[in-house]
Amino acid sequence: MKLEQETITVNRVYSEVKKRKSQEVFNDEDTKVEVRTFSNVPTASVSFRAGLTKNLGSYNSATVQVCVTVPTYLEEIDDAVEFAAAKVDEYLAPGLNEFVDILKEKGLLKDA
């Protein structure tokens, strides 16, 4: 059983949708995350997803979804679910607030 440490890049993209067309308003390509990688071992994968929607008025809303997928050993699935759920909870509300702030900065949203 061999464990290795690896760095991956996480890309956060915020888009505005108007009349079924999407326009990218923010793209962060510089976020680095240390992850545990596996080699030659039977593994499982656990995902946890949640979303929040904020009413912005005038029939507009901002929605943010966070999904965390965690590779894990079969014996550690319960711990992986708890970890993924905690990470989603940690980033969900701040992510929505950050998205609303970005829309305001770009002039795409008046004070909500």
C-alpha atoms as a PDB file:
ATOM      1  CA  MET A   1       0.000   0.000   0.000  1.00  0.00           C
ATOM      2  CA  LYS A   2       1.591   3.234  -1.165  1.00  0.00           C
ATOM      3  CA  LEU A   3       0.351   6.743  -0.278  1.00  0.00           C
ATOM      4  CA  GLU A   4       1.633   9.823  -2.021  1.00  0.00           C
ATOM      5  CA  GLN A   5       1.041  13.549  -1.563  1.00  0.00           C
ATOM      6  CA  GLU A   6       0.110  15.514  -4.674  1.00  0.00           C
ATOM      7  CA  THR A   7      -0.993  19.071  -5.458  1.00  0.00           C
ATOM      8  CA  ILE A   8      -4.013  19.717  -7.663  1.00  0.00           C
ATOM      9  CA  THR A   9      -5.462  22.976  -8.945  1.00  0.00           C
ATOM     10  CA  VAL A  10      -9.035  23.914  -8.084  1.00  0.00           C
ATOM     11  CA  ASN A  11     -10.802  26.250 -10.479  1.00  0.00           C
ATOM     12  CA  ARG A  12     -13.708  28.352  -9.154  1.00  0.00           C
ATOM     13  CA  VAL A  13     -15.944  29.769 -11.883  1.00  0.00           C
ATOM     14  CA  TYR A  14     -18.908  32.070 -11.259  1.00  0.00           C
ATOM     15  CA  SER A  15     -21.312  32.645 -14.134  1.00  0.00           C
ATOM     16  CA  GLU A  16     -24.301  34.906 -14.638  1.00  0.00           C
ATOM     17  CA  VAL A  17     -27.232  33.383 -16.521  1.00  0.00           C
ATOM     18  CA  LYS A  18     -29.577  35.658 -18.475  1.00  0.00           C
ATOM     19  CA  LYS A  19     -32.216  34.442 -20.890  1.00  0.00           C
ATOM     20  CA  ARG A  20     -30.673  30.950 -20.999  1.00  0.00           C
ATOM     21  CA  LYS A  21     -27.214  32.309 -21.836  1.00  0.00           C
ATOM     22  CA  SER A  22     -24.318  32.058 -19.415  1.00  0.00           C
ATOM     23  CA  GLN A  23     -21.585  34.672 -19.046  1.00  0.00           C
ATOM     24  CA  GLU A  24     -18.507  34.007 -16.945  1.00  0.00           C
ATOM     25  CA  VAL A  25     -17.982  36.778 -14.383  1.00  0.00           C
ATOM     26  CA  PHE A  26     -15.132  35.338 -12.310  1.00  0.00           C
ATOM     27  CA  ASN A  27     -12.525  32.627 -12.816  1.00  0.00           C
ATOM     28  CA  ASP A  28      -9.922  31.792 -10.151  1.00  0.00           C
ATOM     29  CA  GLU A  29      -7.295  29.440 -11.567  1.00  0.00           C
ATOM     30  CA  ASP A  30      -4.668  29.792  -8.847  1.00  0.00           C
ATOM     31  CA  THR A  31      -6.102  27.833  -5.916  1.00  0.00           C
ATOM     32  CA  LYS A  32      -3.864  24.902  -4.955  1.00  0.00           C
ATOM     33  CA  VAL A  33      -4.953  21.998  -2.754  1.00  0.00           C
ATOM     34  CA  GLU A  34      -2.839  19.215  -1.272  1.00  0.00           C
ATOM     35  CA  VAL A  35      -4.466  15.818  -1.758  1.00  0.00           C
ATOM     36  CA  ARG A  36      -3.678  12.239  -0.845  1.00  0.00           C
ATOM     37  CA  THR A  37      -3.264   9.944  -3.838  1.00  0.00           C
ATOM     38  CA  PHE A  38      -3.490   6.162  -3.947  1.00  0.00           C
ATOM     39  CA  SER A  39      -1.660   3.565  -5.987  1.00  0.00           C
ATOM     40  CA  ASN A  40      -2.340  -0.143  -6.434  1.00  0.00           C
ATOM     41  CA  VAL A  41      -5.020  -0.305  -3.738  1.00  0.00           C
ATOM     42  CA  PRO A  42      -8.781  -0.910  -3.996  1.00  0.00           C
ATOM     43  CA  THR A  43     -10.412   2.433  -3.227  1.00  0.00           C
ATOM     44  CA  ALA A  44     -13.827   4.064  -3.056  1.00  0.00           C
ATOM     45  CA  SER A  45     -15.009   7.569  -3.789  1.00  0.00           C
ATOM     46  CA  VAL A  46     -17.482   9.587  -1.707  1.00  0.00           C
ATOM     47  CA  SER A  47     -19.270  12.747  -2.915  1.00  0.00           C
ATOM     48  CA  PHE A  48     -21.324  15.259  -0.967  1.00  0.00           C
ATOM     49  CA  ARG A  49     -23.143  18.129  -2.697  1.00  0.00           C
ATOM     50  CA  ALA A  50     -25.294  21.007  -1.434  1.00  0.00           C
ATOM     51  CA  GLY A  51     -26.480  24.345  -2.784  1.00  0.00           C
ATOM     52  CA  LEU A  52     -27.817  27.694  -1.612  1.00  0.00           C
ATOM     53  CA  THR A  53     -29.913  30.231  -3.498  1.00  0.00           C
ATOM     54  CA  LYS A  54     -30.198  33.887  -2.468  1.00  0.00           C
ATOM     55  CA  ASN A  55     -33.069  36.034  -3.721  1.00  0.00           C
ATOM     56  CA  LEU A  56     -31.546  39.230  -5.144  1.00  0.00           C
ATOM     57  CA  GLY A  57     -34.847  40.950  -5.923  1.00  0.00           C
ATOM     58  CA  SER A  58     -36.323  41.899  -9.305  1.00  0.00           C
ATOM     59  CA  TYR A  59     -36.761  38.210 -10.148  1.00  0.00           C
ATOM     60  CA  ASN A  60     -33.000  37.586  -9.862  1.00  0.00           C
ATOM     61  CA  SER A  61     -31.228  35.082  -7.675  1.00  0.00           C
ATOM     62  CA  ALA A  62     -27.701  33.799  -7.109  1.00  0.00           C
ATOM     63  CA  THR A  63     -27.140  30.088  -6.666  1.00  0.00           C
ATOM     64  CA  VAL A  64     -23.951  28.430  -5.475  1.00  0.00           C
ATOM     65  CA  GLN A  65     -23.371  24.704  -5.360  1.00  0.00           C
ATOM     66  CA  VAL A  66     -20.427  23.021  -3.688  1.00  0.00           C
ATOM     67  CA  CYS A  67     -19.523  19.405  -4.319  1.00  0.00           C
ATOM     68  CA  VAL A  68     -16.652  17.646  -2.595  1.00  0.00           C
ATOM     69  CA  THR A  69     -15.505  14.263  -3.865  1.00  0.00           C
ATOM     70  CA  VAL A  70     -13.085  12.375  -1.635  1.00  0.00           C
ATOM     71  CA  PRO A  71     -11.138   9.296  -2.701  1.00  0.00           C
ATOM     72  CA  THR A  72     -10.904   6.925   0.227  1.00  0.00           C
ATOM     73  CA  TYR A  73     -10.176   3.411   1.299  1.00  0.00           C
ATOM     74  CA  LEU A  74     -13.198   1.123   1.605  1.00  0.00           C
ATOM     75  CA  GLU A  75     -12.715   0.939   5.373  1.00  0.00           C
ATOM     76  CA  GLU A  76     -12.799   4.739   5.742  1.00  0.00           C
ATOM     77  CA  ILE A  77     -16.043   5.547   3.877  1.00  0.00           C
ATOM     78  CA  ASP A  78     -17.929   6.818   6.962  1.00  0.00           C
ATOM     79  CA  ASP A  79     -15.090   9.179   7.873  1.00  0.00           C
ATOM     80  CA  ALA A  80     -14.876  10.356   4.251  1.00  0.00           C
ATOM     81  CA  VAL A  81     -18.601  11.213   4.182  1.00  0.00           C
ATOM     82  CA  GLU A  82     -18.245  13.260   7.383  1.00  0.00           C
ATOM     83  CA  PHE A  83     -15.169  15.012   5.986  1.00  0.00           C
ATOM     84  CA  ALA A  84     -16.855  15.836   2.642  1.00  0.00           C
ATOM     85  CA  ALA A  85     -20.012  17.126   4.365  1.00  0.00           C
ATOM     86  CA  ALA A  86     -17.946  19.340   6.679  1.00  0.00           C
ATOM     87  CA  LYS A  87     -15.980  20.793   3.746  1.00  0.00           C
ATOM     88  CA  VAL A  88     -19.173  21.558   1.805  1.00  0.00           C
ATOM     89  CA  ASP A  89     -20.614  23.261   4.890  1.00  0.00           C
ATOM     90  CA  GLU A  90     -17.389  25.243   5.347  1.00  0.00           C
ATOM     91  CA  TYR A  91     -17.431  26.680   1.814  1.00  0.00           C
ATOM     92  CA  LEU A  92     -21.128  26.952   0.909  1.00  0.00           C
ATOM     93  CA  ALA A  93     -22.313  30.156   2.644  1.00  0.00           C
ATOM     94  CA  PRO A  94     -18.995  32.010   2.166  1.00  0.00           C
ATOM     95  CA  GLY A  95     -19.052  30.996  -1.512  1.00  0.00           C
ATOM     96  CA  LEU A  96     -22.508  32.484  -1.992  1.00  0.00           C
ATOM     97  CA  ASN A  97     -21.503  35.713  -0.236  1.00  0.00           C
ATOM     98  CA  GLU A  98     -18.337  35.927  -2.350  1.00  0.00           C
ATOM     99  CA  PHE A  99     -20.353  35.421  -5.553  1.00  0.00           C
ATOM    100  CA  VAL A 100     -22.783  38.222  -4.609  1.00  0.00           C
ATOM    101  CA  ASP A 101     -19.824  40.530  -3.832  1.00  0.00           C
ATOM    102  CA  ILE A 102     -18.240  39.741  -7.222  1.00  0.00           C
ATOM    103  CA  LEU A 103     -21.512  40.543  -9.015  1.00  0.00           C
ATOM    104  CA  LYS A 104     -21.676  43.878  -7.144  1.00  0.00           C
ATOM    105  CA  GLU A 105     -18.037  44.739  -7.958  1.00  0.00           C
ATOM    106  CA  LYS A 106     -18.630  44.088 -11.654  1.00  0.00           C
ATOM    107  CA  GLY A 107     -21.746  46.247 -11.640  1.00  0.00           C
ATOM    108  CA  LEU A 108     -23.973  43.293 -12.485  1.00  0.00           C
ATOM    109  CA  LEU A 109     -25.963  43.655  -9.268  1.00  0.00           C
ATOM    110  CA  LYS A 110     -27.163  46.608  -7.267  1.00  0.00           C
ATOM    111  CA  ASP A 111     -27.009  46.380  -3.470  1.00  0.00           C
ATOM    112  CA  ALA A 112     -29.091  43.382  -2.416  1.00  0.00           C
END
